[in-house]
């Protein structure tokens, strides 16, 4: 068992997990929070969003979340990732965040990536934040690039690497309920197959 981020390995403690750990990752506007809530409900798990500390920081500074991402102290990144790791080890959680899969690592029973076309993410963010398409495009581009740079600097990892994920959910088409049901089924099938494989070993 272990995390994929070297810095966090010193915080790992061998304990008996009390339930499943599922991570949900995706770019801004991909719909990862909606997917995470559906999984949590289906498996009777708690949810934890790693970005809550960043949102709290933004509120305290009275700035936008995008502005906060540019000046976020590395200590807050460390706090977020330590909190995710602690819950991953404990189990009983769906962990949402850009780095949740990297942080939970092998402590996660299933690592989900919510995939979504960029133009659709832009439209969703424009509607959500009452922006023009041009403004939303700029926002998405800046956020995506900021995340790549920050995590490379902090942990020397490439967050665009997708080989660490177990499942990919395409969330391009409208119809939340259908996507939720398909996701839950895919996660159940993956866990059942994993359980069968482990019993054979």
N, C-alpha and C. Protein backbone atom coordinates (compact mmCIF):
# COMPACT_ATOMS: atom_id res chain seq x y z
N UNK A 1 0.85 -1.20 0.00
CA UNK A 1 0.00 0.00 0.00
C UNK A 1 0.88 1.25 0.00
N UNK A 2 0.36 2.34 -0.48
CA UNK A 2 1.13 3.57 -0.44
C UNK A 2 0.63 4.63 -1.39
N UNK A 3 1.13 5.82 -1.18
CA UNK A 3 0.78 6.96 -2.03
C UNK A 3 1.76 7.04 -3.20
N UNK A 4 1.38 7.79 -4.23
CA UNK A 4 2.27 7.98 -5.38
C UNK A 4 3.11 9.25 -5.23
N UNK A 5 2.92 9.96 -4.13
CA UNK A 5 3.67 11.19 -3.87
C UNK A 5 4.68 10.93 -2.76
N UNK A 6 5.94 11.02 -3.09
CA UNK A 6 7.00 10.67 -2.14
C UNK A 6 6.92 11.45 -0.84
N UNK A 7 6.60 12.74 -0.93
CA UNK A 7 6.54 13.59 0.26
C UNK A 7 5.59 13.03 1.31
N UNK A 8 4.50 12.41 0.87
CA UNK A 8 3.46 11.97 1.80
C UNK A 8 3.75 10.62 2.46
N UNK A 9 4.76 9.91 1.97
CA UNK A 9 5.01 8.57 2.49
C UNK A 9 5.36 8.57 3.98
N UNK A 10 5.95 9.66 4.45
CA UNK A 10 6.32 9.73 5.87
C UNK A 10 5.10 9.83 6.78
N UNK A 11 3.92 10.15 6.19
CA UNK A 11 2.71 10.29 7.00
C UNK A 11 1.86 9.01 7.00
N UNK A 12 2.29 8.00 6.25
CA UNK A 12 1.52 6.77 6.17
C UNK A 12 1.65 5.96 7.46
N UNK A 13 0.53 5.40 7.88
CA UNK A 13 0.51 4.54 9.06
C UNK A 13 -0.30 3.30 8.75
N UNK A 14 0.28 2.12 8.96
CA UNK A 14 -0.45 0.88 8.66
C UNK A 14 -1.62 0.70 9.63
N UNK A 15 -2.82 0.76 9.12
CA UNK A 15 -4.02 0.55 9.94
C UNK A 15 -4.98 -0.35 9.18
N UNK A 16 -5.96 -0.89 9.88
CA UNK A 16 -6.97 -1.71 9.24
C UNK A 16 -8.06 -0.79 8.70
N UNK A 17 -8.26 -0.82 7.40
CA UNK A 17 -9.25 0.05 6.79
C UNK A 17 -10.66 -0.33 7.25
N UNK A 18 -11.50 0.72 7.39
CA UNK A 18 -12.86 0.51 7.87
C UNK A 18 -13.89 0.56 6.75
N UNK A 19 -13.40 0.65 5.51
CA UNK A 19 -14.33 0.69 4.39
C UNK A 19 -13.61 1.01 3.10
N UNK A 20 -14.36 1.13 2.04
CA UNK A 20 -13.79 1.43 0.73
C UNK A 20 -13.19 2.84 0.67
N UNK A 21 -12.20 2.98 -0.17
CA UNK A 21 -11.67 4.30 -0.53
C UNK A 21 -11.76 4.43 -2.04
N UNK A 22 -12.51 5.41 -2.49
CA UNK A 22 -12.65 5.66 -3.93
C UNK A 22 -12.27 7.10 -4.21
N UNK A 23 -11.42 7.32 -5.19
CA UNK A 23 -11.04 8.69 -5.55
C UNK A 23 -11.70 9.08 -6.86
N UNK A 24 -12.06 10.36 -6.96
CA UNK A 24 -12.67 10.89 -8.18
C UNK A 24 -11.90 12.15 -8.58
N UNK A 25 -11.36 12.11 -9.77
CA UNK A 25 -10.54 13.22 -10.27
C UNK A 25 -11.06 13.68 -11.62
N UNK A 26 -10.81 14.95 -11.94
CA UNK A 26 -11.20 15.49 -13.23
C UNK A 26 -10.81 16.95 -13.29
N UNK A 27 -10.75 17.49 -14.49
CA UNK A 27 -10.42 18.91 -14.65
C UNK A 27 -11.62 19.77 -14.27
N UNK A 28 -11.39 21.07 -14.15
CA UNK A 28 -12.46 21.98 -13.76
C UNK A 28 -13.60 21.92 -14.77
N UNK A 29 -14.83 21.82 -14.26
CA UNK A 29 -16.00 21.76 -15.12
C UNK A 29 -16.32 20.38 -15.66
N UNK A 30 -15.59 19.36 -15.22
CA UNK A 30 -15.80 18.00 -15.73
C UNK A 30 -17.01 17.33 -15.10
N UNK A 31 -17.44 17.82 -13.94
CA UNK A 31 -18.57 17.22 -13.24
C UNK A 31 -18.16 16.19 -12.21
N UNK A 32 -16.92 16.27 -11.73
CA UNK A 32 -16.41 15.26 -10.79
C UNK A 32 -17.16 15.25 -9.46
N UNK A 33 -17.60 16.41 -8.99
CA UNK A 33 -18.32 16.46 -7.71
C UNK A 33 -19.66 15.73 -7.80
N UNK A 34 -20.35 15.90 -8.92
CA UNK A 34 -21.62 15.21 -9.13
C UNK A 34 -21.41 13.70 -9.17
N UNK A 35 -20.38 13.27 -9.86
CA UNK A 35 -20.05 11.84 -9.95
C UNK A 35 -19.69 11.30 -8.57
N UNK A 36 -18.89 12.04 -7.82
CA UNK A 36 -18.46 11.62 -6.49
C UNK A 36 -19.66 11.42 -5.56
N UNK A 37 -20.60 12.34 -5.61
CA UNK A 37 -21.79 12.25 -4.76
C UNK A 37 -22.62 11.01 -5.10
N UNK A 38 -22.72 10.70 -6.39
CA UNK A 38 -23.48 9.52 -6.82
C UNK A 38 -22.83 8.24 -6.31
N UNK A 39 -21.51 8.17 -6.40
CA UNK A 39 -20.78 6.99 -5.91
C UNK A 39 -20.93 6.86 -4.39
N UNK A 40 -20.80 7.97 -3.70
CA UNK A 40 -20.91 7.95 -2.23
C UNK A 40 -22.28 7.45 -1.79
N UNK A 41 -23.31 7.91 -2.46
CA UNK A 41 -24.68 7.50 -2.13
C UNK A 41 -24.88 6.01 -2.38
N UNK A 42 -24.37 5.53 -3.51
CA UNK A 42 -24.55 4.12 -3.87
C UNK A 42 -23.82 3.17 -2.93
N UNK A 43 -22.64 3.58 -2.46
CA UNK A 43 -21.82 2.71 -1.61
C UNK A 43 -21.87 3.09 -0.13
N UNK A 44 -22.74 4.06 0.19
CA UNK A 44 -22.90 4.50 1.58
C UNK A 44 -21.57 4.95 2.18
N UNK A 45 -20.89 5.83 1.46
CA UNK A 45 -19.61 6.38 1.89
C UNK A 45 -19.74 7.87 2.16
N UNK A 46 -18.81 8.40 2.93
CA UNK A 46 -18.75 9.84 3.16
C UNK A 46 -17.99 10.47 1.98
N UNK A 47 -18.19 11.77 1.78
CA UNK A 47 -17.44 12.47 0.74
C UNK A 47 -16.49 13.48 1.39
N UNK A 48 -15.38 13.68 0.72
CA UNK A 48 -14.43 14.71 1.16
C UNK A 48 -13.83 15.36 -0.08
N UNK A 49 -13.96 16.68 -0.16
CA UNK A 49 -13.43 17.43 -1.29
C UNK A 49 -12.14 18.12 -0.86
N UNK A 50 -11.05 17.76 -1.50
CA UNK A 50 -9.74 18.31 -1.13
C UNK A 50 -9.66 19.82 -1.37
N UNK A 51 -10.54 20.34 -2.23
CA UNK A 51 -10.49 21.76 -2.54
C UNK A 51 -11.15 22.65 -1.52
N UNK A 52 -11.76 22.06 -0.48
CA UNK A 52 -12.46 22.88 0.52
C UNK A 52 -11.53 23.84 1.26
N UNK A 53 -10.30 23.40 1.53
CA UNK A 53 -9.34 24.29 2.21
C UNK A 53 -8.96 25.46 1.31
N UNK A 54 -8.86 25.19 0.01
CA UNK A 54 -8.55 26.26 -0.94
C UNK A 54 -9.71 27.26 -1.01
N UNK A 55 -10.93 26.75 -0.99
CA UNK A 55 -12.11 27.63 -1.00
C UNK A 55 -12.16 28.48 0.27
N UNK A 56 -11.81 27.87 1.40
CA UNK A 56 -11.78 28.61 2.65
C UNK A 56 -10.75 29.72 2.60
N UNK A 57 -9.58 29.41 2.04
CA UNK A 57 -8.52 30.41 1.88
C UNK A 57 -9.01 31.57 1.02
N UNK A 58 -9.71 31.25 -0.08
CA UNK A 58 -10.23 32.28 -0.99
C UNK A 58 -11.24 33.18 -0.28
N UNK A 59 -12.10 32.57 0.53
CA UNK A 59 -13.10 33.36 1.27
C UNK A 59 -12.43 34.29 2.27
N UNK A 60 -11.43 33.77 2.96
CA UNK A 60 -10.73 34.59 3.95
C UNK A 60 -10.02 35.78 3.31
N UNK A 61 -9.46 35.55 2.13
CA UNK A 61 -8.74 36.61 1.41
C UNK A 61 -9.68 37.48 0.57
N UNK A 62 -10.96 37.04 0.50
CA UNK A 62 -11.98 37.75 -0.29
C UNK A 62 -11.56 37.87 -1.76
N UNK A 63 -11.12 36.74 -2.29
CA UNK A 63 -10.71 36.66 -3.69
C UNK A 63 -11.40 35.47 -4.34
N UNK A 64 -11.31 35.38 -5.67
CA UNK A 64 -11.92 34.25 -6.37
C UNK A 64 -11.06 33.00 -6.19
N UNK A 65 -11.68 31.86 -6.50
CA UNK A 65 -10.96 30.59 -6.40
C UNK A 65 -9.79 30.54 -7.38
N UNK A 66 -9.99 31.13 -8.55
CA UNK A 66 -8.92 31.15 -9.55
C UNK A 66 -7.74 32.01 -9.08
N UNK A 67 -8.05 33.14 -8.44
CA UNK A 67 -7.00 33.99 -7.90
C UNK A 67 -6.27 33.27 -6.77
N UNK A 68 -7.03 32.55 -5.97
CA UNK A 68 -6.43 31.81 -4.85
C UNK A 68 -5.47 30.73 -5.34
N UNK A 69 -5.82 30.08 -6.46
CA UNK A 69 -4.97 29.00 -6.97
C UNK A 69 -3.60 29.51 -7.40
N UNK A 70 -3.51 30.80 -7.72
CA UNK A 70 -2.25 31.37 -8.16
C UNK A 70 -1.33 31.74 -7.00
N UNK A 71 -1.92 32.03 -5.83
CA UNK A 71 -1.11 32.49 -4.69
C UNK A 71 -1.21 31.55 -3.49
N UNK A 72 -1.82 30.39 -3.70
CA UNK A 72 -2.04 29.47 -2.59
C UNK A 72 -0.71 29.04 -1.95
N UNK A 73 -0.54 29.26 -0.65
CA UNK A 73 0.70 28.83 0.03
C UNK A 73 0.85 27.32 -0.05
N UNK A 74 2.07 26.87 -0.21
CA UNK A 74 2.29 25.43 -0.34
C UNK A 74 1.85 24.68 0.92
N UNK A 75 1.83 25.37 2.06
CA UNK A 75 1.40 24.73 3.29
C UNK A 75 -0.06 24.26 3.20
N UNK A 76 -0.88 25.01 2.48
CA UNK A 76 -2.28 24.62 2.34
C UNK A 76 -2.39 23.41 1.42
N UNK A 77 -1.58 23.37 0.37
CA UNK A 77 -1.53 22.18 -0.48
C UNK A 77 -1.17 20.95 0.36
N UNK A 78 -0.17 21.10 1.21
CA UNK A 78 0.26 19.99 2.05
C UNK A 78 -0.86 19.56 3.01
N UNK A 79 -1.56 20.54 3.58
CA UNK A 79 -2.68 20.23 4.48
C UNK A 79 -3.76 19.45 3.76
N UNK A 80 -4.10 19.89 2.54
CA UNK A 80 -5.13 19.22 1.76
C UNK A 80 -4.74 17.78 1.47
N UNK A 81 -3.51 17.59 1.04
CA UNK A 81 -3.07 16.26 0.63
C UNK A 81 -2.91 15.32 1.83
N UNK A 82 -2.47 15.86 2.96
CA UNK A 82 -2.38 15.04 4.18
C UNK A 82 -3.77 14.61 4.63
N UNK A 83 -4.74 15.52 4.52
CA UNK A 83 -6.11 15.20 4.91
C UNK A 83 -6.68 14.09 4.03
N UNK A 84 -6.41 14.17 2.74
CA UNK A 84 -6.87 13.13 1.80
C UNK A 84 -6.22 11.79 2.13
N UNK A 85 -4.92 11.80 2.38
CA UNK A 85 -4.22 10.57 2.71
C UNK A 85 -4.77 9.91 3.97
N UNK A 86 -4.99 10.71 5.00
CA UNK A 86 -5.53 10.18 6.26
C UNK A 86 -6.86 9.48 6.04
N UNK A 87 -7.72 10.08 5.22
CA UNK A 87 -9.04 9.49 4.97
C UNK A 87 -8.93 8.29 4.04
N UNK A 88 -7.97 8.31 3.14
CA UNK A 88 -7.77 7.17 2.25
C UNK A 88 -7.34 5.94 3.04
N UNK A 89 -6.45 6.14 4.00
CA UNK A 89 -5.97 5.05 4.84
C UNK A 89 -7.08 4.51 5.74
N UNK A 90 -7.89 5.42 6.25
CA UNK A 90 -8.98 5.05 7.15
C UNK A 90 -10.08 4.30 6.42
N UNK A 91 -10.38 4.74 5.19
CA UNK A 91 -11.44 4.12 4.41
C UNK A 91 -12.81 4.68 4.74
N UNK A 92 -13.78 4.36 3.89
CA UNK A 92 -15.14 4.83 4.10
C UNK A 92 -15.41 6.16 3.42
N UNK A 93 -14.58 6.52 2.42
CA UNK A 93 -14.69 7.84 1.79
C UNK A 93 -14.62 7.78 0.27
N UNK A 94 -15.32 8.74 -0.35
CA UNK A 94 -15.08 9.09 -1.75
C UNK A 94 -14.32 10.41 -1.70
N UNK A 95 -13.12 10.42 -2.23
CA UNK A 95 -12.23 11.58 -2.13
C UNK A 95 -12.14 12.28 -3.48
N UNK A 96 -12.55 13.54 -3.48
CA UNK A 96 -12.58 14.31 -4.73
C UNK A 96 -11.48 15.36 -4.75
N UNK A 97 -10.79 15.48 -5.87
CA UNK A 97 -9.76 16.51 -5.97
C UNK A 97 -8.82 16.21 -7.12
N UNK A 98 -8.12 17.24 -7.54
CA UNK A 98 -7.20 17.11 -8.68
C UNK A 98 -6.10 16.08 -8.40
N UNK A 99 -5.69 15.97 -7.13
CA UNK A 99 -4.60 15.06 -6.77
C UNK A 99 -5.06 13.85 -5.97
N UNK A 100 -6.36 13.65 -5.84
CA UNK A 100 -6.85 12.61 -4.92
C UNK A 100 -6.30 11.22 -5.25
N UNK A 101 -6.21 10.89 -6.52
CA UNK A 101 -5.68 9.57 -6.89
C UNK A 101 -4.20 9.45 -6.58
N UNK A 102 -3.46 10.53 -6.84
CA UNK A 102 -2.03 10.54 -6.54
C UNK A 102 -1.79 10.46 -5.04
N UNK A 103 -2.62 11.14 -4.28
CA UNK A 103 -2.45 11.19 -2.83
C UNK A 103 -2.85 9.88 -2.17
N UNK A 104 -3.97 9.33 -2.58
CA UNK A 104 -4.44 8.07 -2.00
C UNK A 104 -3.59 6.90 -2.48
N UNK A 105 -3.16 6.97 -3.73
CA UNK A 105 -2.32 5.90 -4.27
C UNK A 105 -2.95 4.53 -4.13
N UNK A 106 -2.17 3.58 -3.67
CA UNK A 106 -2.65 2.20 -3.54
C UNK A 106 -3.59 1.99 -2.35
N UNK A 107 -3.78 3.03 -1.55
CA UNK A 107 -4.79 2.94 -0.50
C UNK A 107 -6.19 2.99 -1.10
N UNK A 108 -6.31 3.49 -2.31
CA UNK A 108 -7.61 3.58 -2.98
C UNK A 108 -7.99 2.23 -3.59
N UNK A 109 -9.24 1.85 -3.41
CA UNK A 109 -9.74 0.60 -4.01
C UNK A 109 -10.12 0.81 -5.46
N UNK A 110 -10.46 2.05 -5.82
CA UNK A 110 -10.80 2.36 -7.20
C UNK A 110 -10.54 3.84 -7.44
N UNK A 111 -9.82 4.13 -8.51
CA UNK A 111 -9.47 5.52 -8.84
C UNK A 111 -10.17 5.89 -10.16
N UNK A 112 -11.07 6.86 -10.06
CA UNK A 112 -11.91 7.24 -11.19
C UNK A 112 -11.46 8.59 -11.76
N UNK A 113 -11.39 8.67 -13.09
CA UNK A 113 -11.12 9.94 -13.75
C UNK A 113 -12.33 10.32 -14.58
N UNK A 114 -12.87 11.51 -14.32
CA UNK A 114 -14.03 12.00 -15.07
C UNK A 114 -13.52 12.80 -16.26
N UNK A 115 -13.73 12.26 -17.45
CA UNK A 115 -13.23 12.87 -18.67
C UNK A 115 -14.32 13.71 -19.32
N UNK A 116 -13.94 14.86 -19.85
CA UNK A 116 -14.92 15.74 -20.46
C UNK A 116 -14.23 16.62 -21.50
N UNK A 117 -14.85 16.78 -22.66
CA UNK A 117 -14.27 17.61 -23.70
C UNK A 117 -14.12 19.05 -23.21
N UNK A 118 -13.03 19.66 -23.64
CA UNK A 118 -12.72 21.01 -23.16
C UNK A 118 -13.82 22.02 -23.48
N UNK A 119 -14.38 21.95 -24.69
CA UNK A 119 -15.40 22.92 -25.07
C UNK A 119 -16.64 22.79 -24.19
N UNK A 120 -16.95 21.58 -23.76
CA UNK A 120 -18.10 21.37 -22.88
C UNK A 120 -17.80 21.89 -21.48
N UNK A 121 -16.58 21.68 -21.01
CA UNK A 121 -16.19 22.22 -19.71
C UNK A 121 -16.30 23.74 -19.72
N UNK A 122 -15.88 24.34 -20.81
CA UNK A 122 -15.94 25.81 -20.95
C UNK A 122 -17.39 26.30 -20.90
N UNK A 123 -18.27 25.62 -21.61
CA UNK A 123 -19.69 26.00 -21.61
C UNK A 123 -20.28 25.87 -20.22
N UNK A 124 -19.95 24.79 -19.53
CA UNK A 124 -20.48 24.57 -18.17
C UNK A 124 -20.01 25.66 -17.22
N UNK A 125 -18.74 26.00 -17.31
CA UNK A 125 -18.20 27.02 -16.42
C UNK A 125 -18.76 28.40 -16.75
N UNK A 126 -18.97 28.66 -18.04
CA UNK A 126 -19.57 29.94 -18.44
C UNK A 126 -20.96 30.08 -17.84
N UNK A 127 -21.73 29.00 -17.89
CA UNK A 127 -23.08 29.03 -17.33
C UNK A 127 -23.05 29.11 -15.81
N UNK A 128 -22.18 28.32 -15.21
CA UNK A 128 -22.09 28.27 -13.75
C UNK A 128 -21.66 29.60 -13.15
N UNK A 129 -20.67 30.25 -13.78
CA UNK A 129 -20.09 31.47 -13.23
C UNK A 129 -20.58 32.75 -13.93
N UNK A 130 -21.58 32.57 -14.81
CA UNK A 130 -22.14 33.72 -15.52
C UNK A 130 -21.06 34.49 -16.29
N UNK A 131 -20.31 33.76 -17.12
CA UNK A 131 -19.22 34.34 -17.91
C UNK A 131 -19.52 34.21 -19.40
N UNK A 132 -18.83 35.01 -20.18
CA UNK A 132 -18.89 34.82 -21.63
C UNK A 132 -18.03 33.61 -21.97
N UNK A 133 -18.21 33.07 -23.18
CA UNK A 133 -17.40 31.92 -23.60
C UNK A 133 -15.92 32.30 -23.62
N UNK A 134 -15.63 33.52 -24.06
CA UNK A 134 -14.24 33.98 -24.10
C UNK A 134 -13.65 34.02 -22.69
N UNK A 135 -14.42 34.55 -21.74
CA UNK A 135 -13.94 34.64 -20.35
C UNK A 135 -13.76 33.25 -19.75
N UNK A 136 -14.71 32.37 -20.03
CA UNK A 136 -14.63 31.01 -19.49
C UNK A 136 -13.46 30.24 -20.09
N UNK A 137 -13.19 30.46 -21.37
CA UNK A 137 -12.05 29.81 -22.02
C UNK A 137 -10.75 30.22 -21.37
N UNK A 138 -10.61 31.51 -21.12
CA UNK A 138 -9.41 32.02 -20.46
C UNK A 138 -9.29 31.43 -19.06
N UNK A 139 -10.40 31.35 -18.36
CA UNK A 139 -10.40 30.82 -16.99
C UNK A 139 -9.98 29.35 -16.97
N UNK A 140 -10.54 28.56 -17.86
CA UNK A 140 -10.20 27.14 -17.93
C UNK A 140 -8.73 26.94 -18.28
N UNK A 141 -8.25 27.66 -19.28
CA UNK A 141 -6.85 27.53 -19.69
C UNK A 141 -5.90 27.90 -18.55
N UNK A 142 -6.19 28.99 -17.86
CA UNK A 142 -5.32 29.43 -16.76
C UNK A 142 -5.34 28.42 -15.62
N UNK A 143 -6.52 27.92 -15.29
CA UNK A 143 -6.64 26.96 -14.19
C UNK A 143 -5.91 25.66 -14.50
N UNK A 144 -6.10 25.15 -15.71
CA UNK A 144 -5.45 23.90 -16.09
C UNK A 144 -3.93 24.03 -16.05
N UNK A 145 -3.42 25.12 -16.60
CA UNK A 145 -1.97 25.33 -16.63
C UNK A 145 -1.41 25.56 -15.23
N UNK A 146 -2.17 26.29 -14.41
CA UNK A 146 -1.72 26.58 -13.04
C UNK A 146 -1.58 25.29 -12.23
N UNK A 147 -2.53 24.38 -12.41
CA UNK A 147 -2.48 23.10 -11.70
C UNK A 147 -1.27 22.28 -12.12
N UNK A 148 -1.02 22.22 -13.42
CA UNK A 148 0.12 21.46 -13.93
C UNK A 148 1.43 21.98 -13.34
N UNK A 149 1.60 23.30 -13.38
CA UNK A 149 2.83 23.92 -12.88
C UNK A 149 2.98 23.73 -11.37
N UNK A 150 1.88 23.93 -10.64
CA UNK A 150 1.97 23.86 -9.17
C UNK A 150 2.36 22.46 -8.69
N UNK A 151 1.72 21.45 -9.26
CA UNK A 151 2.00 20.10 -8.77
C UNK A 151 3.34 19.56 -9.26
N UNK A 152 3.79 20.05 -10.40
CA UNK A 152 5.13 19.68 -10.84
C UNK A 152 6.17 20.28 -9.90
N UNK A 153 5.92 21.52 -9.48
CA UNK A 153 6.85 22.20 -8.59
C UNK A 153 6.82 21.60 -7.19
N UNK A 154 5.61 21.30 -6.69
CA UNK A 154 5.47 20.77 -5.33
C UNK A 154 5.96 19.34 -5.20
N UNK A 155 5.52 18.49 -6.14
CA UNK A 155 5.74 17.06 -5.98
C UNK A 155 6.50 16.39 -7.12
N UNK A 156 6.84 17.20 -8.15
CA UNK A 156 7.55 16.66 -9.31
C UNK A 156 6.75 15.54 -9.99
N UNK A 157 5.45 15.77 -10.12
CA UNK A 157 4.60 14.79 -10.81
C UNK A 157 3.89 15.46 -11.98
N UNK A 158 3.51 14.65 -12.94
CA UNK A 158 2.76 15.11 -14.09
C UNK A 158 1.31 14.71 -13.89
N UNK A 159 0.45 15.67 -13.55
CA UNK A 159 -0.94 15.33 -13.24
C UNK A 159 -1.73 14.91 -14.47
N UNK A 160 -1.15 15.06 -15.66
CA UNK A 160 -1.82 14.60 -16.87
C UNK A 160 -1.58 13.12 -17.16
N UNK A 161 -0.74 12.49 -16.34
CA UNK A 161 -0.49 11.06 -16.51
C UNK A 161 -1.73 10.28 -16.11
N UNK A 162 -2.25 9.48 -17.02
CA UNK A 162 -3.52 8.81 -16.76
C UNK A 162 -3.41 7.33 -16.45
N UNK A 163 -2.21 6.82 -16.48
CA UNK A 163 -2.03 5.38 -16.25
C UNK A 163 -2.35 4.97 -14.81
N UNK A 164 -2.45 5.94 -13.91
CA UNK A 164 -2.71 5.61 -12.50
C UNK A 164 -4.19 5.33 -12.23
N UNK A 165 -5.07 5.65 -13.18
CA UNK A 165 -6.51 5.52 -12.94
C UNK A 165 -7.04 4.15 -13.34
N UNK A 166 -8.08 3.71 -12.63
CA UNK A 166 -8.69 2.41 -12.90
C UNK A 166 -9.87 2.51 -13.86
N UNK A 167 -10.61 3.62 -13.76
CA UNK A 167 -11.80 3.80 -14.59
C UNK A 167 -11.84 5.21 -15.18
N UNK A 168 -12.36 5.29 -16.39
CA UNK A 168 -12.56 6.59 -17.04
C UNK A 168 -14.04 6.76 -17.36
N UNK A 169 -14.60 7.85 -16.91
CA UNK A 169 -16.01 8.14 -17.13
C UNK A 169 -16.12 9.32 -18.10
N UNK A 170 -16.76 9.12 -19.24
CA UNK A 170 -16.96 10.21 -20.19
C UNK A 170 -18.23 10.96 -19.81
N UNK A 171 -18.06 12.23 -19.49
CA UNK A 171 -19.19 13.05 -19.05
C UNK A 171 -19.39 14.22 -20.01
N UNK A 172 -19.59 13.88 -21.29
CA UNK A 172 -19.75 14.91 -22.31
C UNK A 172 -21.20 15.24 -22.62
N UNK A 173 -22.07 14.24 -22.53
CA UNK A 173 -23.45 14.44 -22.93
C UNK A 173 -24.33 14.85 -21.75
N UNK A 174 -25.40 15.61 -22.02
CA UNK A 174 -26.34 15.96 -20.95
C UNK A 174 -27.07 14.72 -20.46
N UNK A 175 -27.60 14.79 -19.26
CA UNK A 175 -28.29 13.63 -18.68
C UNK A 175 -27.57 13.13 -17.46
N UNK A 176 -27.67 13.89 -16.37
CA UNK A 176 -26.93 13.54 -15.15
C UNK A 176 -27.27 12.17 -14.60
N UNK A 177 -28.57 11.85 -14.57
CA UNK A 177 -28.99 10.60 -13.95
C UNK A 177 -28.43 9.39 -14.69
N UNK A 178 -28.36 9.47 -16.02
CA UNK A 178 -27.82 8.36 -16.80
C UNK A 178 -26.33 8.18 -16.51
N UNK A 179 -25.61 9.28 -16.46
CA UNK A 179 -24.17 9.22 -16.17
C UNK A 179 -23.93 8.65 -14.77
N UNK A 180 -24.74 9.08 -13.82
CA UNK A 180 -24.60 8.58 -12.44
C UNK A 180 -24.77 7.07 -12.39
N UNK A 181 -25.84 6.58 -13.04
CA UNK A 181 -26.11 5.14 -13.03
C UNK A 181 -25.00 4.35 -13.71
N UNK A 182 -24.54 4.87 -14.85
CA UNK A 182 -23.46 4.19 -15.57
C UNK A 182 -22.19 4.15 -14.75
N UNK A 183 -21.90 5.24 -14.06
CA UNK A 183 -20.69 5.31 -13.23
C UNK A 183 -20.75 4.31 -12.09
N UNK A 184 -21.86 4.30 -11.38
CA UNK A 184 -22.03 3.38 -10.24
C UNK A 184 -21.89 1.93 -10.71
N UNK A 185 -22.47 1.61 -11.85
CA UNK A 185 -22.37 0.24 -12.38
C UNK A 185 -20.92 -0.10 -12.71
N UNK A 186 -20.20 0.83 -13.33
CA UNK A 186 -18.81 0.58 -13.69
C UNK A 186 -17.94 0.37 -12.45
N UNK A 187 -18.18 1.17 -11.42
CA UNK A 187 -17.42 1.03 -10.18
C UNK A 187 -17.73 -0.31 -9.52
N UNK A 188 -19.00 -0.69 -9.48
CA UNK A 188 -19.39 -1.98 -8.89
C UNK A 188 -18.75 -3.14 -9.65
N UNK A 189 -18.80 -3.06 -10.98
CA UNK A 189 -18.20 -4.13 -11.80
C UNK A 189 -16.70 -4.21 -11.56
N UNK A 190 -16.05 -3.06 -11.49
CA UNK A 190 -14.60 -3.04 -11.26
C UNK A 190 -14.26 -3.68 -9.92
N UNK A 191 -14.97 -3.30 -8.86
CA UNK A 191 -14.70 -3.83 -7.53
C UNK A 191 -15.01 -5.31 -7.44
N UNK A 192 -16.07 -5.76 -8.10
CA UNK A 192 -16.40 -7.19 -8.11
C UNK A 192 -15.32 -8.00 -8.82
N UNK A 193 -14.86 -7.48 -9.96
CA UNK A 193 -13.78 -8.15 -10.70
C UNK A 193 -12.49 -8.19 -9.90
N UNK A 194 -12.23 -7.08 -9.18
CA UNK A 194 -11.02 -7.01 -8.35
C UNK A 194 -11.11 -8.03 -7.22
N UNK A 195 -12.28 -8.13 -6.63
CA UNK A 195 -12.48 -9.07 -5.52
C UNK A 195 -12.30 -10.52 -6.00
N UNK A 196 -12.84 -10.81 -7.17
CA UNK A 196 -12.70 -12.14 -7.74
C UNK A 196 -11.23 -12.48 -8.03
N UNK A 197 -10.52 -11.50 -8.56
CA UNK A 197 -9.12 -11.68 -8.88
C UNK A 197 -8.30 -11.93 -7.63
N UNK A 198 -8.58 -11.18 -6.55
CA UNK A 198 -7.83 -11.33 -5.30
C UNK A 198 -8.09 -12.69 -4.66
N UNK A 199 -9.30 -13.19 -4.78
CA UNK A 199 -9.65 -14.49 -4.20
C UNK A 199 -8.92 -15.63 -4.92
N UNK A 200 -8.64 -15.43 -6.21
CA UNK A 200 -7.95 -16.45 -6.98
C UNK A 200 -6.45 -16.48 -6.72
N UNK A 201 -5.92 -15.37 -6.26
CA UNK A 201 -4.47 -15.29 -6.03
C UNK A 201 -4.05 -16.03 -4.77
